[in-house]
Amino acid sequence: MKILISKLILCSLVLLSFPKDSFGQDKITKALSTWNQGTIPYAYFGNLPETDSIAFLDTREKEEFEVSHLKNAVWVGYKKFNEKKVLETIPNKSQPIIVYCSIGVRSEDIGEQLKELGYTKVLNLYGGIFDWKNKGGQVFNDKEVVTDSVHAFSKHWGKLLQEGIKVY
């Protein structure tokens, strides 16, 4: 019995030593490895190039973008991807672009389309807006005001968002 209690205490201490978002992060990693092909290289929160030189493209649906998006992001959609808007907004095909969505699945698809359009410096934000918010990144609403609300896409995918206020 003492050995069992000792093992339970040890396991508890090990689990408590993990950062708060480790388990959600493992689930994001698993989802990305399941759903993505790895065709667009990842950019990682905390390790991004100078953000003033990067165009952030939000590949979620309009209602998701209006609730929360990255600062100065351009909404280009997913189901109705606005290719014309991208070509008009970013005429320089060598402009660094980071695409993102909730966790990085839809944005990989749009990244592939950008590559087909001739854009040469396209990265996919690893973990999307969920990882961004989970790691303390700021998000903005449709009035460009910092918000804690994040559109969580669905109850299933929303489980991966651990920080902020989930909006569905």
C-alpha atoms as a PDB file:
ATOM      1  CA  MET A   1       0.000   0.000   0.000  1.00  0.00           C
ATOM      2  CA  LYS A   2       2.854   2.405   0.856  1.00  0.00           C
ATOM      3  CA  ILE A   3       4.460   1.676  -2.526  1.00  0.00           C
ATOM      4  CA  LEU A   4       1.196   2.405  -4.339  1.00  0.00           C
ATOM      5  CA  ILE A   5       0.754   5.700  -2.490  1.00  0.00           C
ATOM      6  CA  SER A   6       4.384   6.623  -3.210  1.00  0.00           C
ATOM      7  CA  LYS A   7       3.869   5.912  -6.913  1.00  0.00           C
ATOM      8  CA  LEU A   8       0.676   7.994  -6.999  1.00  0.00           C
ATOM      9  CA  ILE A   9       2.437  10.909  -5.314  1.00  0.00           C
ATOM     10  CA  LEU A  10       5.366  10.624  -7.723  1.00  0.00           C
ATOM     11  CA  CYS A  11       3.028  10.549 -10.743  1.00  0.00           C
ATOM     12  CA  SER A  12       1.149  13.575  -9.417  1.00  0.00           C
ATOM     13  CA  LEU A  13       4.377  15.520  -8.968  1.00  0.00           C
ATOM     14  CA  VAL A  14       5.496  14.642 -12.495  1.00  0.00           C
ATOM     15  CA  LEU A  15       2.161  15.744 -13.957  1.00  0.00           C
ATOM     16  CA  LEU A  16       2.241  18.996 -11.989  1.00  0.00           C
ATOM     17  CA  SER A  17       5.710  19.754 -13.322  1.00  0.00           C
ATOM     18  CA  PHE A  18       4.416  20.032 -16.904  1.00  0.00           C
ATOM     19  CA  PRO A  19       3.514  23.516 -18.159  1.00  0.00           C
ATOM     20  CA  LYS A  20      -0.190  24.246 -17.993  1.00  0.00           C
ATOM     21  CA  ASP A  21      -0.707  23.856 -21.740  1.00  0.00           C
ATOM     22  CA  SER A  22       1.457  20.761 -22.315  1.00  0.00           C
ATOM     23  CA  PHE A  23      -1.426  18.356 -22.691  1.00  0.00           C
ATOM     24  CA  GLY A  24      -3.417  20.639 -24.987  1.00  0.00           C
ATOM     25  CA  GLN A  25      -0.238  21.211 -26.963  1.00  0.00           C
ATOM     26  CA  ASP A  26       0.252  17.470 -27.352  1.00  0.00           C
ATOM     27  CA  LYS A  27      -3.285  17.293 -28.729  1.00  0.00           C
ATOM     28  CA  ILE A  28      -2.538  20.107 -31.192  1.00  0.00           C
ATOM     29  CA  THR A  29       0.596  18.284 -32.304  1.00  0.00           C
ATOM     30  CA  LYS A  30      -1.389  15.066 -32.736  1.00  0.00           C
ATOM     31  CA  ALA A  31      -4.134  16.830 -34.703  1.00  0.00           C
ATOM     32  CA  LEU A  32      -1.620  18.533 -36.989  1.00  0.00           C
ATOM     33  CA  SER A  33       0.259  15.301 -37.633  1.00  0.00           C
ATOM     34  CA  THR A  34      -3.052  13.594 -38.431  1.00  0.00           C
ATOM     35  CA  TRP A  35      -4.633  16.263 -40.633  1.00  0.00           C
ATOM     36  CA  ASN A  36      -1.685  18.053 -42.260  1.00  0.00           C
ATOM     37  CA  GLN A  37       0.632  16.869 -44.992  1.00  0.00           C
ATOM     38  CA  GLY A  38       3.529  19.141 -44.000  1.00  0.00           C
ATOM     39  CA  THR A  39       3.457  20.920 -47.360  1.00  0.00           C
ATOM     40  CA  ILE A  40       3.770  24.378 -45.796  1.00  0.00           C
ATOM     41  CA  PRO A  41       6.571  24.900 -43.236  1.00  0.00           C
ATOM     42  CA  TYR A  42       5.557  26.080 -39.773  1.00  0.00           C
ATOM     43  CA  ALA A  43       6.240  29.383 -38.064  1.00  0.00           C
ATOM     44  CA  TYR A  44       6.199  29.155 -34.276  1.00  0.00           C
ATOM     45  CA  PHE A  45       4.930  31.595 -31.643  1.00  0.00           C
ATOM     46  CA  GLY A  46       7.875  33.224 -29.928  1.00  0.00           C
ATOM     47  CA  ASN A  47      10.170  32.473 -32.856  1.00  0.00           C
ATOM     48  CA  LEU A  48       8.706  34.625 -35.628  1.00  0.00           C
ATOM     49  CA  PRO A  49      10.691  36.886 -37.906  1.00  0.00           C
ATOM     50  CA  GLU A  50      10.168  40.658 -37.536  1.00  0.00           C
ATOM     51  CA  THR A  51       6.360  40.973 -37.605  1.00  0.00           C
ATOM     52  CA  ASP A  52       6.302  44.345 -39.399  1.00  0.00           C
ATOM     53  CA  SER A  53       7.613  42.635 -42.515  1.00  0.00           C
ATOM     54  CA  ILE A  54       5.119  39.756 -42.444  1.00  0.00           C
ATOM     55  CA  ALA A  55       1.628  39.671 -43.900  1.00  0.00           C
ATOM     56  CA  PHE A  56      -0.673  37.627 -41.657  1.00  0.00           C
ATOM     57  CA  LEU A  57      -3.571  36.023 -43.517  1.00  0.00           C
ATOM     58  CA  ASP A  58      -6.526  34.690 -41.545  1.00  0.00           C
ATOM     59  CA  THR A  59      -7.972  31.668 -43.326  1.00  0.00           C
ATOM     60  CA  ARG A  60     -10.975  31.100 -41.067  1.00  0.00           C
ATOM     61  CA  GLU A  61     -14.579  32.031 -41.724  1.00  0.00           C
ATOM     62  CA  LYS A  62     -15.605  35.689 -41.466  1.00  0.00           C
ATOM     63  CA  GLU A  63     -17.507  35.229 -38.176  1.00  0.00           C
ATOM     64  CA  GLU A  64     -14.406  33.685 -36.596  1.00  0.00           C
ATOM     65  CA  PHE A  65     -12.236  36.587 -37.795  1.00  0.00           C
ATOM     66  CA  GLU A  66     -14.675  39.185 -36.430  1.00  0.00           C
ATOM     67  CA  VAL A  67     -14.524  37.673 -32.929  1.00  0.00           C
ATOM     68  CA  SER A  68     -10.731  37.427 -32.839  1.00  0.00           C
ATOM     69  CA  HIS A  69      -7.732  37.697 -35.131  1.00  0.00           C
ATOM     70  CA  LEU A  70      -4.058  38.568 -35.026  1.00  0.00           C
ATOM     71  CA  LYS A  71      -3.064  42.220 -35.204  1.00  0.00           C
ATOM     72  CA  ASN A  72      -3.253  43.644 -38.739  1.00  0.00           C
ATOM     73  CA  ALA A  73      -4.281  40.283 -40.181  1.00  0.00           C
ATOM     74  CA  VAL A  74      -6.065  40.240 -43.524  1.00  0.00           C
ATOM     75  CA  TRP A  75      -9.113  38.002 -43.753  1.00  0.00           C
ATOM     76  CA  VAL A  76      -9.028  35.833 -46.874  1.00  0.00           C
ATOM     77  CA  GLY A  77     -11.474  33.085 -45.899  1.00  0.00           C
ATOM     78  CA  TYR A  78     -11.404  29.371 -46.411  1.00  0.00           C
ATOM     79  CA  LYS A  79     -14.543  27.956 -48.037  1.00  0.00           C
ATOM     80  CA  LYS A  80     -14.710  31.048 -50.220  1.00  0.00           C
ATOM     81  CA  PHE A  81     -10.973  31.782 -50.348  1.00  0.00           C
ATOM     82  CA  ASN A  82     -10.564  35.278 -51.773  1.00  0.00           C
ATOM     83  CA  GLU A  83      -7.687  34.818 -54.206  1.00  0.00           C
ATOM     84  CA  LYS A  84      -8.315  38.225 -55.796  1.00  0.00           C
ATOM     85  CA  LYS A  85      -8.035  39.987 -52.424  1.00  0.00           C
ATOM     86  CA  VAL A  86      -4.668  38.334 -51.799  1.00  0.00           C
ATOM     87  CA  LEU A  87      -3.335  39.291 -55.230  1.00  0.00           C
ATOM     88  CA  GLU A  88      -4.477  42.908 -54.741  1.00  0.00           C
ATOM     89  CA  THR A  89      -3.293  43.176 -51.112  1.00  0.00           C
ATOM     90  CA  ILE A  90       0.047  41.417 -51.643  1.00  0.00           C
ATOM     91  CA  PRO A  91       1.269  42.038 -55.200  1.00  0.00           C
ATOM     92  CA  ASN A  92       4.867  41.140 -54.270  1.00  0.00           C
ATOM     93  CA  LYS A  93       5.068  37.333 -54.607  1.00  0.00           C
ATOM     94  CA  SER A  94       8.207  37.245 -52.429  1.00  0.00           C
ATOM     95  CA  GLN A  95       6.462  39.007 -49.507  1.00  0.00           C
ATOM     96  CA  PRO A  96       6.753  36.871 -46.336  1.00  0.00           C
ATOM     97  CA  ILE A  97       3.293  35.521 -45.475  1.00  0.00           C
ATOM     98  CA  ILE A  98       2.075  33.622 -42.430  1.00  0.00           C
ATOM     99  CA  VAL A  99      -1.288  31.922 -42.810  1.00  0.00           C
ATOM    100  CA  TYR A 100      -3.279  30.806 -39.789  1.00  0.00           C
ATOM    101  CA  CYS A 101      -6.622  29.373 -38.726  1.00  0.00           C
ATOM    102  CA  SER A 102      -7.766  27.814 -35.440  1.00  0.00           C
ATOM    103  CA  ILE A 103      -4.942  25.263 -35.156  1.00  0.00           C
ATOM    104  CA  GLY A 104      -3.249  25.190 -38.565  1.00  0.00           C
ATOM    105  CA  VAL A 105      -5.190  22.706 -40.684  1.00  0.00           C
ATOM    106  CA  ARG A 106      -7.272  24.977 -42.914  1.00  0.00           C
ATOM    107  CA  SER A 107      -4.362  27.388 -43.209  1.00  0.00           C
ATOM    108  CA  GLU A 108      -2.163  24.664 -44.717  1.00  0.00           C
ATOM    109  CA  ASP A 109      -4.733  24.276 -47.516  1.00  0.00           C
ATOM    110  CA  ILE A 110      -4.714  28.012 -48.196  1.00  0.00           C
ATOM    111  CA  GLY A 111      -0.910  28.075 -47.980  1.00  0.00           C
ATOM    112  CA  GLU A 112      -0.835  25.478 -50.759  1.00  0.00           C
ATOM    113  CA  GLN A 113      -3.116  27.680 -52.874  1.00  0.00           C
ATOM    114  CA  LEU A 114      -0.833  30.668 -52.250  1.00  0.00           C
ATOM    115  CA  LYS A 115       2.131  28.620 -53.451  1.00  0.00           C
ATOM    116  CA  GLU A 116       0.154  27.748 -56.605  1.00  0.00           C
ATOM    117  CA  LEU A 117      -0.402  31.505 -57.110  1.00  0.00           C
ATOM    118  CA  GLY A 118       3.370  31.954 -57.071  1.00  0.00           C
ATOM    119  CA  TYR A 119       3.998  33.193 -53.518  1.00  0.00           C
ATOM    120  CA  THR A 120       7.405  31.952 -52.422  1.00  0.00           C
ATOM    121  CA  LYS A 121       7.643  32.736 -48.686  1.00  0.00           C
ATOM    122  CA  VAL A 122       4.586  31.162 -47.091  1.00  0.00           C
ATOM    123  CA  LEU A 123       4.577  29.759 -43.553  1.00  0.00           C
ATOM    124  CA  ASN A 124       1.772  28.177 -41.533  1.00  0.00           C
ATOM    125  CA  LEU A 125       1.375  29.370 -37.923  1.00  0.00           C
ATOM    126  CA  TYR A 126       1.860  26.244 -35.813  1.00  0.00           C
ATOM    127  CA  GLY A 127      -1.181  25.693 -33.608  1.00  0.00           C
ATOM    128  CA  GLY A 128      -2.965  28.660 -35.188  1.00  0.00           C
ATOM    129  CA  ILE A 129      -4.737  31.302 -33.159  1.00  0.00           C
ATOM    130  CA  PHE A 130      -5.373  28.748 -30.366  1.00  0.00           C
ATOM    131  CA  ASP A 131      -1.660  28.203 -29.713  1.00  0.00           C
ATOM    132  CA  TRP A 132      -1.076  31.947 -30.095  1.00  0.00           C
ATOM    133  CA  LYS A 133      -3.619  32.725 -27.374  1.00  0.00           C
ATOM    134  CA  ASN A 134      -2.576  29.749 -25.204  1.00  0.00           C
ATOM    135  CA  LYS A 135       0.953  31.153 -25.152  1.00  0.00           C
ATOM    136  CA  GLY A 136      -0.109  34.686 -24.222  1.00  0.00           C
ATOM    137  CA  GLY A 137      -0.381  36.310 -27.639  1.00  0.00           C
ATOM    138  CA  GLN A 138      -2.818  39.172 -28.101  1.00  0.00           C
ATOM    139  CA  VAL A 139      -5.863  38.896 -30.339  1.00  0.00           C
ATOM    140  CA  PHE A 140      -8.115  41.657 -31.631  1.00  0.00           C
ATOM    141  CA  ASN A 141     -11.828  41.959 -32.344  1.00  0.00           C
ATOM    142  CA  ASP A 142     -13.542  43.491 -35.380  1.00  0.00           C
ATOM    143  CA  LYS A 143     -12.965  46.987 -33.943  1.00  0.00           C
ATOM    144  CA  GLU A 144      -9.210  46.251 -33.682  1.00  0.00           C
ATOM    145  CA  VAL A 145      -9.418  46.285 -29.870  1.00  0.00           C
ATOM    146  CA  VAL A 146      -7.545  43.690 -27.790  1.00  0.00           C
ATOM    147  CA  THR A 147      -9.944  40.988 -26.625  1.00  0.00           C
ATOM    148  CA  ASP A 148      -9.858  37.817 -24.532  1.00  0.00           C
ATOM    149  CA  SER A 149     -12.552  36.266 -26.715  1.00  0.00           C
ATOM    150  CA  VAL A 150     -11.491  33.694 -29.272  1.00  0.00           C
ATOM    151  CA  HIS A 151     -13.792  31.996 -31.735  1.00  0.00           C
ATOM    152  CA  ALA A 152     -13.308  28.336 -30.837  1.00  0.00           C
ATOM    153  CA  PHE A 153     -14.744  26.945 -34.110  1.00  0.00           C
ATOM    154  CA  SER A 154     -16.597  24.047 -32.452  1.00  0.00           C
ATOM    155  CA  LYS A 155     -16.931  22.341 -29.076  1.00  0.00           C
ATOM    156  CA  HIS A 156     -14.652  19.546 -30.330  1.00  0.00           C
ATOM    157  CA  TRP A 157     -11.811  21.789 -31.526  1.00  0.00           C
ATOM    158  CA  GLY A 158     -12.443  24.319 -28.762  1.00  0.00           C
ATOM    159  CA  LYS A 159     -10.988  21.829 -26.268  1.00  0.00           C
ATOM    160  CA  LEU A 160      -7.565  22.807 -27.637  1.00  0.00           C
ATOM    161  CA  LEU A 161      -8.071  26.443 -26.639  1.00  0.00           C
ATOM    162  CA  GLN A 162      -7.058  26.762 -22.997  1.00  0.00           C
ATOM    163  CA  GLU A 163      -6.775  30.538 -22.588  1.00  0.00           C
ATOM    164  CA  GLY A 164      -9.283  33.267 -23.255  1.00  0.00           C
ATOM    165  CA  ILE A 165     -13.048  33.224 -23.539  1.00  0.00           C
ATOM    166  CA  LYS A 166     -14.413  30.665 -25.992  1.00  0.00           C
ATOM    167  CA  VAL A 167     -17.021  31.966 -28.419  1.00  0.00           C
ATOM    168  CA  TYR A 168     -18.990  29.643 -30.710  1.00  0.00           C
END
